Amino acid sequence: MLRYRSDPARSAARLDPVEERGGPDRIRGRVVWQAEVITTGSESDVRVLADFLLAGGFEYFAADTGRQVRLRLVTTPWGLAFLCVVFGVLAGGACIAIARKFSASRFAADLHEHRITFFNYVGRMLSYVLNQPAAPIERDNALEVVFGSEASPAEVRLFRERFGCEDVREGYGASEGVLRITPVPGSPDNALGLPAAGVEVEVRDPDTGLECPRAIFDADGVLLNAGEATGELVALGRGPSFEGYYKNPDAMADRLRFDGADFWTGDLGYRDADGYFYFAGRSTDWLRVDGENFGAAAIERILVRFPAFSGAHVLAVADPNTGDQVMAVVTLKPGAV
């Protein structure tokens, strides 16, 4: 495990990142290099200006003001880890512990040994951690904040119980830097939240380009119109701000479909009557059965409600008659039969 500490004097002072250091507007004039960020969702390396990364670092540092978020754990090379952890530290001052690779079996021990206060996850990382046998060391940690994306509500609840950290935040953002959706007070339990100020997002049909109908739920919170409500998350008017993919014009063209004014994320979602967004998986997780389109994530969330399952993954199997057959792979909890 590698450890890096930023300027301790600046860290201890807990300077306001905007007022004391001039904020993101001052960065643009003096930082001109570009960084290529690799993420789980993109087909190619993403080009983003360094000012976007540092501005994001300011924001994540500011969000932790007033908390003792002093030691952050990095276990993956994905863009979100750099934005939340590395650039947050550069912007605000803290210490980083860098693991050479993500290890679910070592996770609890790393938290305990290095007294980690902030951890960032993406994809199935929490699922892998929770599949490990429960141990007393899990609650002997200094965690204050956990932030990430794509964990199921059941996984978030179980992580809180086992690791004793109540502040587990789910959000959504594109490594391309064009949009961000985060929880706000009053957000439904399963929702991503609302778009950041100044960003307009819609759920659109990827074939027609038209906005999808709003999601309808029954009294138990079950989505009733998944086929028509699920579509691709689109950031309106953000196409020109996209820096592009490194040496991959075809992937860039796919993100700037139709007239190029909007940015198509390649991620699926739906939106309720109050405007809250919900994640429904990647466009590569799209299933089409008997003429109905829907995302795999909705099925996975239902499966993990079964007490014996600790995780579930759904995939499409091509079928000449129905379009797709649905296959599910589940992980049983220890002792379950």
Protein backbone atom coordinates (compact mmCIF):
# COMPACT_ATOMS: atom_id res chain seq x y z
CA MET A 1 0.00 0.00 0.00
CA LEU A 2 1.45 3.36 -1.07
CA ARG A 3 0.67 6.50 0.92
CA TYR A 4 0.89 10.13 -0.19
CA ARG A 5 0.31 13.18 2.00
CA SER A 6 -0.38 16.63 0.62
CA ASP A 7 0.79 19.82 2.31
CA PRO A 8 -0.15 19.22 5.99
CA ALA A 9 -0.37 22.93 6.77
CA ARG A 10 -2.87 23.50 4.00
CA SER A 11 -4.72 20.33 4.97
CA ALA A 12 -5.05 21.38 8.61
CA ALA A 13 -6.30 24.85 7.72
CA ARG A 14 -9.35 23.47 5.85
CA LEU A 15 -9.29 26.38 3.46
CA ASP A 16 -12.40 27.20 1.53
CA PRO A 17 -11.44 26.00 -1.98
CA VAL A 18 -13.29 28.73 -3.86
CA GLU A 19 -12.67 31.73 -1.65
CA GLU A 20 -9.07 31.06 -0.61
CA ARG A 21 -7.68 29.57 -3.80
CA GLY A 22 -9.64 31.41 -6.40
CA GLY A 23 -11.87 28.54 -7.51
CA PRO A 24 -12.03 26.71 -10.83
CA ASP A 25 -12.16 29.90 -12.93
CA ARG A 26 -8.53 30.64 -12.07
CA ILE A 27 -7.35 27.19 -13.10
CA ARG A 28 -8.43 27.44 -16.71
CA GLY A 29 -5.94 30.18 -17.50
CA ARG A 30 -2.85 28.35 -16.33
CA VAL A 31 -3.43 24.62 -16.84
CA VAL A 32 -3.48 23.60 -20.50
CA TRP A 33 -2.62 19.90 -20.59
CA GLN A 34 -5.17 17.19 -21.28
CA ALA A 35 -5.65 13.97 -19.34
CA GLU A 36 -6.93 10.67 -20.73
CA VAL A 37 -9.23 9.01 -18.21
CA ILE A 38 -10.15 5.35 -18.57
CA THR A 39 -13.53 4.35 -17.19
CA THR A 40 -15.66 1.22 -17.15
CA GLY A 41 -18.39 2.69 -19.31
CA SER A 42 -16.61 4.34 -22.24
CA GLU A 43 -15.53 2.60 -25.41
CA SER A 44 -12.36 4.64 -25.54
CA ASP A 45 -10.02 6.88 -23.59
CA VAL A 46 -11.70 10.16 -22.72
CA ARG A 47 -9.99 13.49 -23.24
CA VAL A 48 -10.78 16.07 -20.58
CA LEU A 49 -9.12 19.32 -19.72
CA ALA A 50 -7.22 19.36 -16.46
CA ASP A 51 -9.35 22.26 -15.24
CA PHE A 52 -12.38 19.96 -15.27
CA LEU A 53 -10.59 17.45 -13.05
CA LEU A 54 -9.31 20.08 -10.62
CA ALA A 55 -12.68 21.81 -10.53
CA GLY A 56 -14.23 18.48 -9.66
CA GLY A 57 -11.63 18.07 -6.95
CA PHE A 58 -12.64 21.42 -5.48
CA GLU A 59 -16.26 20.31 -5.40
CA TYR A 60 -15.61 16.98 -3.69
CA PHE A 61 -13.31 18.64 -1.17
CA ALA A 62 -15.95 21.27 -0.42
CA ALA A 63 -18.59 18.55 0.07
CA ASP A 64 -16.49 17.07 2.87
CA THR A 65 -15.92 20.37 4.70
CA GLY A 66 -16.64 19.97 8.37
CA ARG A 67 -15.86 16.24 8.39
CA GLN A 68 -12.61 14.52 9.24
CA VAL A 69 -12.13 13.12 5.74
CA ARG A 70 -8.36 12.99 5.96
CA LEU A 71 -7.31 9.65 4.51
CA ARG A 72 -8.70 8.47 1.19
CA LEU A 73 -8.33 5.01 -0.30
CA VAL A 74 -7.63 4.50 -4.02
CA THR A 75 -8.04 0.94 -5.32
CA THR A 76 -8.87 1.42 -9.03
CA PRO A 77 -7.56 3.44 -12.01
CA TRP A 78 -11.03 4.58 -13.08
CA GLY A 79 -11.85 8.22 -13.72
CA LEU A 80 -14.20 8.56 -10.76
CA ALA A 81 -11.47 7.51 -8.34
CA PHE A 82 -9.14 10.20 -9.67
CA LEU A 83 -11.83 12.86 -9.57
CA CYS A 84 -13.17 12.05 -6.09
CA VAL A 85 -9.94 11.05 -4.42
CA VAL A 86 -6.76 12.18 -6.14
CA PHE A 87 -7.95 15.57 -7.36
CA GLY A 88 -9.97 16.09 -4.20
CA VAL A 89 -6.76 15.72 -2.23
CA LEU A 90 -4.85 18.03 -4.57
CA ALA A 91 -7.57 20.65 -4.23
CA GLY A 92 -8.14 20.49 -0.50
CA GLY A 93 -5.27 18.70 1.17
CA ALA A 94 -5.38 15.23 2.74
CA CYS A 95 -3.55 11.90 2.64
CA ILE A 96 -4.01 9.07 0.13
CA ALA A 97 -3.49 5.35 0.59
CA ILE A 98 -3.08 3.70 -2.83
CA ALA A 99 -3.64 -0.04 -3.18
CA ARG A 100 -1.88 -1.75 -6.07
CA LYS A 101 -5.18 -3.41 -7.01
CA PHE A 102 -8.66 -3.81 -5.66
CA SER A 103 -8.96 -6.80 -3.32
CA ALA A 104 -12.32 -7.65 -1.78
CA SER A 105 -10.67 -10.04 0.69
CA ARG A 106 -8.23 -7.32 1.85
CA PHE A 107 -10.75 -4.47 1.91
CA ALA A 108 -11.76 -4.58 5.60
CA ALA A 109 -8.14 -5.04 6.68
CA ASP A 110 -7.03 -2.06 4.57
CA LEU A 111 -9.72 0.15 6.11
CA HIS A 112 -8.65 -0.93 9.59
CA GLU A 113 -4.88 -0.77 9.11
CA HIS A 114 -4.74 2.60 7.35
CA ARG A 115 -7.69 4.22 9.17
CA ILE A 116 -9.36 5.16 5.89
CA THR A 117 -11.99 7.91 6.19
CA PHE A 118 -13.16 8.10 2.54
CA PHE A 119 -13.59 5.36 -0.03
CA ASN A 120 -14.84 5.53 -3.61
CA TYR A 121 -16.41 2.60 -5.45
CA VAL A 122 -17.85 1.93 -8.90
CA GLY A 123 -19.69 -0.93 -10.53
CA ARG A 124 -19.78 -4.21 -8.61
CA MET A 125 -17.14 -3.36 -6.00
CA LEU A 126 -19.53 -3.28 -3.02
CA SER A 127 -21.05 -6.55 -4.18
CA TYR A 128 -17.63 -8.21 -4.18
CA VAL A 129 -16.85 -6.84 -0.71
CA LEU A 130 -20.18 -7.99 0.72
CA ASN A 131 -19.67 -11.48 -0.69
CA GLN A 132 -16.78 -11.90 1.72
CA PRO A 133 -17.57 -13.58 5.06
CA ALA A 134 -18.56 -11.06 7.72
CA ALA A 135 -15.85 -10.39 10.32
CA PRO A 136 -15.58 -8.22 13.47
CA ILE A 137 -12.76 -6.17 11.89
CA GLU A 138 -15.24 -4.66 9.42
CA ARG A 139 -16.67 -2.28 12.04
CA ASP A 140 -13.25 -1.34 13.42
CA ASN A 141 -12.65 1.46 10.95
CA ALA A 142 -12.66 5.26 10.67
CA LEU A 143 -14.94 5.57 7.62
CA GLU A 144 -16.81 8.87 7.39
CA VAL A 145 -17.96 8.98 3.75
CA VAL A 146 -18.34 6.37 0.99
CA PHE A 147 -19.24 7.59 -2.48
CA GLY A 148 -19.82 5.73 -5.73
CA SER A 149 -22.23 4.49 -8.35
CA GLU A 150 -24.10 1.40 -9.53
CA ALA A 151 -24.55 -0.35 -6.17
CA SER A 152 -28.05 -1.67 -5.54
CA PRO A 153 -30.11 -0.21 -2.65
CA ALA A 154 -29.83 -3.58 -0.89
CA GLU A 155 -26.03 -3.50 -1.17
CA VAL A 156 -25.88 0.04 0.20
CA ARG A 157 -28.05 -0.92 3.19
CA LEU A 158 -25.97 -4.02 3.93
CA PHE A 159 -22.69 -2.09 3.65
CA ARG A 160 -23.96 0.46 6.17
CA GLU A 161 -24.89 -2.32 8.57
CA ARG A 162 -21.66 -4.28 8.29
CA PHE A 163 -19.17 -1.41 8.20
CA GLY A 164 -20.99 1.05 10.45
CA CYS A 165 -20.80 3.96 7.97
CA GLU A 166 -24.13 5.71 7.51
CA ASP A 167 -22.95 8.22 4.90
CA VAL A 168 -22.91 6.04 1.77
CA ARG A 169 -23.72 8.21 -1.25
CA GLU A 170 -24.87 6.98 -4.65
CA GLY A 171 -24.54 9.31 -7.59
CA TYR A 172 -24.02 9.35 -11.33
CA GLY A 173 -21.60 11.21 -13.53
CA ALA A 174 -19.95 10.92 -16.92
CA SER A 175 -16.16 10.81 -17.16
CA GLU A 176 -16.58 12.97 -20.24
CA GLY A 177 -17.43 15.81 -17.85
CA VAL A 178 -20.79 16.75 -19.36
CA LEU A 179 -23.25 15.89 -16.59
CA ARG A 180 -23.68 14.79 -13.02
CA ILE A 181 -26.75 13.54 -11.13
CA THR A 182 -26.59 13.41 -7.33
CA PRO A 183 -28.96 12.69 -4.43
CA VAL A 184 -30.69 15.65 -2.81
CA PRO A 185 -32.86 15.85 0.31
CA GLY A 186 -36.12 14.11 -0.44
CA SER A 187 -34.73 11.82 -3.15
CA PRO A 188 -36.48 8.42 -3.27
CA ASP A 189 -34.38 5.55 -1.93
CA ASN A 190 -33.67 3.99 -5.33
CA ALA A 191 -33.16 7.24 -7.23
CA LEU A 192 -29.90 8.77 -8.44
CA GLY A 193 -31.28 12.21 -7.62
CA LEU A 194 -31.41 15.36 -9.71
CA PRO A 195 -28.98 16.91 -12.23
CA ALA A 196 -26.45 19.45 -11.01
CA ALA A 197 -27.41 23.10 -11.34
CA GLY A 198 -27.23 24.38 -14.90
CA VAL A 199 -27.47 20.95 -16.54
CA GLU A 200 -30.65 19.72 -18.23
CA VAL A 201 -31.05 15.96 -18.66
CA GLU A 202 -33.74 13.91 -20.37
CA VAL A 203 -34.41 10.21 -20.93
CA ARG A 204 -34.75 9.63 -24.68
CA ASP A 205 -35.52 6.78 -27.02
CA PRO A 206 -32.20 5.91 -28.73
CA ASP A 207 -33.98 5.04 -31.99
CA THR A 208 -36.28 8.05 -32.38
CA GLY A 209 -34.47 10.65 -30.30
CA LEU A 210 -37.75 11.54 -28.56
CA GLU A 211 -38.18 11.88 -24.81
CA CYS A 212 -39.54 8.78 -23.07
CA PRO A 213 -42.69 8.87 -20.92
CA ARG A 214 -42.21 9.34 -17.18
CA ALA A 215 -41.96 6.24 -15.02
CA ILE A 216 -45.10 4.99 -13.26
CA PHE A 217 -44.87 3.03 -9.99
CA ASP A 218 -47.44 1.05 -8.07
CA ALA A 219 -48.07 1.39 -4.32
CA ASP A 220 -45.12 -0.94 -3.58
CA GLY A 221 -42.68 1.03 -5.74
CA VAL A 222 -42.66 -1.45 -8.62
CA LEU A 223 -42.01 0.13 -12.02
CA LEU A 224 -45.06 -0.54 -14.19
CA ASN A 225 -43.97 0.82 -17.58
CA ALA A 226 -40.29 -0.14 -17.82
CA GLY A 227 -40.49 -0.75 -21.57
CA GLU A 228 -41.64 2.73 -22.54
CA ALA A 229 -40.05 4.70 -19.67
CA THR A 230 -36.51 3.32 -20.00
CA GLY A 231 -34.21 5.10 -22.43
CA GLU A 232 -30.80 6.69 -22.73
CA LEU A 233 -29.70 9.51 -20.45
CA VAL A 234 -29.03 12.60 -22.59
CA ALA A 235 -27.44 15.88 -21.51
CA LEU A 236 -29.16 18.61 -23.50
CA GLY A 237 -26.96 21.18 -25.19
CA ARG A 238 -23.75 19.60 -23.84
CA GLY A 239 -22.45 18.13 -27.09
CA PRO A 240 -20.11 21.05 -27.88
CA SER A 241 -18.49 20.81 -24.42
CA PHE A 242 -17.41 17.20 -25.01
CA GLU A 243 -13.66 17.04 -25.68
CA GLY A 244 -13.88 13.74 -27.55
CA TYR A 245 -12.31 10.29 -27.37
CA TYR A 246 -8.64 9.71 -28.05
CA LYS A 247 -8.22 8.50 -31.65
CA ASN A 248 -11.76 7.16 -31.80
CA PRO A 249 -14.00 9.40 -33.96
CA ASP A 250 -16.64 6.67 -34.34
CA ALA A 251 -17.21 6.51 -30.59
CA MET A 252 -17.41 10.29 -30.47
CA ALA A 253 -20.00 10.33 -33.26
CA ASP A 254 -22.13 7.86 -31.32
CA ARG A 255 -22.21 10.24 -28.36
CA LEU A 256 -23.23 13.16 -30.59
CA ARG A 257 -26.12 11.52 -32.42
CA PHE A 258 -28.75 13.38 -34.42
CA ASP A 259 -27.65 17.04 -34.70
CA GLY A 260 -24.68 16.88 -32.30
CA ALA A 261 -26.09 19.45 -29.91
CA ASP A 262 -26.78 16.94 -27.13
CA PHE A 263 -24.56 14.36 -25.42
CA TRP A 264 -25.84 10.76 -25.40
CA THR A 265 -24.26 9.00 -22.43
CA GLY A 266 -24.71 5.37 -23.47
CA ASP A 267 -26.32 4.73 -20.08
CA LEU A 268 -29.92 3.75 -19.48
CA GLY A 269 -32.32 5.30 -17.02
CA TYR A 270 -35.87 6.43 -16.34
CA ARG A 271 -37.41 9.48 -14.69
CA ASP A 272 -40.38 9.74 -12.35
CA ALA A 273 -43.18 12.32 -12.31
CA ASP A 274 -41.26 14.48 -9.82
CA GLY A 275 -38.18 14.62 -12.03
CA TYR A 276 -35.93 12.19 -10.13
CA PHE A 277 -33.69 9.97 -12.26
CA TYR A 278 -33.06 6.25 -11.83
CA PHE A 279 -30.20 4.20 -13.25
CA ALA A 280 -31.18 1.21 -15.43
CA GLY A 281 -27.77 -0.04 -16.59
CA ARG A 282 -25.45 0.47 -19.55
CA SER A 283 -26.78 0.50 -23.09
CA THR A 284 -24.82 -2.74 -23.53
CA ASP A 285 -27.13 -4.19 -20.81
CA TRP A 286 -30.19 -3.45 -22.92
CA LEU A 287 -32.58 -6.40 -23.34
CA ARG A 288 -35.33 -6.81 -25.93
CA VAL A 289 -37.87 -9.54 -25.25
CA ASP A 290 -41.04 -9.95 -27.33
CA GLY A 291 -40.74 -6.39 -28.62
CA GLU A 292 -40.22 -4.82 -25.17
CA ASN A 293 -37.01 -2.96 -24.30
CA PHE A 294 -35.71 -2.82 -20.72
CA GLY A 295 -32.45 -2.71 -18.78
CA ALA A 296 -30.87 -5.58 -16.88
CA ALA A 297 -30.45 -3.51 -13.70
CA ALA A 298 -34.18 -3.49 -12.96
CA ILE A 299 -34.28 -7.30 -12.93
CA GLU A 300 -31.11 -7.50 -10.82
CA ARG A 301 -32.63 -5.24 -8.17
CA ILE A 302 -35.65 -7.53 -7.90
CA LEU A 303 -33.53 -10.68 -7.64
CA VAL A 304 -31.36 -9.36 -4.80
CA ARG A 305 -34.48 -8.89 -2.69
CA PHE A 306 -34.51 -12.69 -2.28
CA PRO A 307 -32.93 -13.37 1.15
CA ALA A 308 -30.63 -16.14 -0.11
CA PHE A 309 -29.02 -14.00 -2.85
CA SER A 310 -26.11 -11.68 -2.11
CA GLY A 311 -25.72 -10.60 -5.73
CA ALA A 312 -27.31 -11.03 -9.14
CA HIS A 313 -26.18 -10.38 -12.70
CA VAL A 314 -28.53 -10.47 -15.68
CA LEU A 315 -27.51 -10.90 -19.31
CA ALA A 316 -29.17 -11.38 -22.67
CA VAL A 317 -28.96 -14.59 -24.67
CA ALA A 318 -29.87 -14.14 -28.34
CA ASP A 319 -33.02 -15.93 -29.43
CA PRO A 320 -34.32 -15.93 -33.05
CA ASN A 321 -37.95 -16.00 -31.90
CA THR A 322 -38.15 -13.56 -28.98
CA GLY A 323 -35.11 -11.34 -29.65
CA ASP A 324 -33.46 -12.11 -26.30
CA GLN A 325 -33.82 -14.70 -23.60
CA VAL A 326 -33.01 -13.50 -20.09
CA MET A 327 -30.32 -15.31 -18.13
CA ALA A 328 -29.54 -14.57 -14.49
CA VAL A 329 -26.43 -15.56 -12.55
CA VAL A 330 -26.81 -15.27 -8.77
CA THR A 331 -24.43 -15.51 -5.84
CA LEU A 332 -25.72 -17.27 -2.74
CA LYS A 333 -25.06 -15.97 0.74
CA PRO A 334 -22.91 -18.24 2.94
CA GLY A 335 -25.02 -21.13 4.19
CA ALA A 336 -27.87 -20.51 1.75
CA VAL A 337 -29.24 -23.43 -0.24
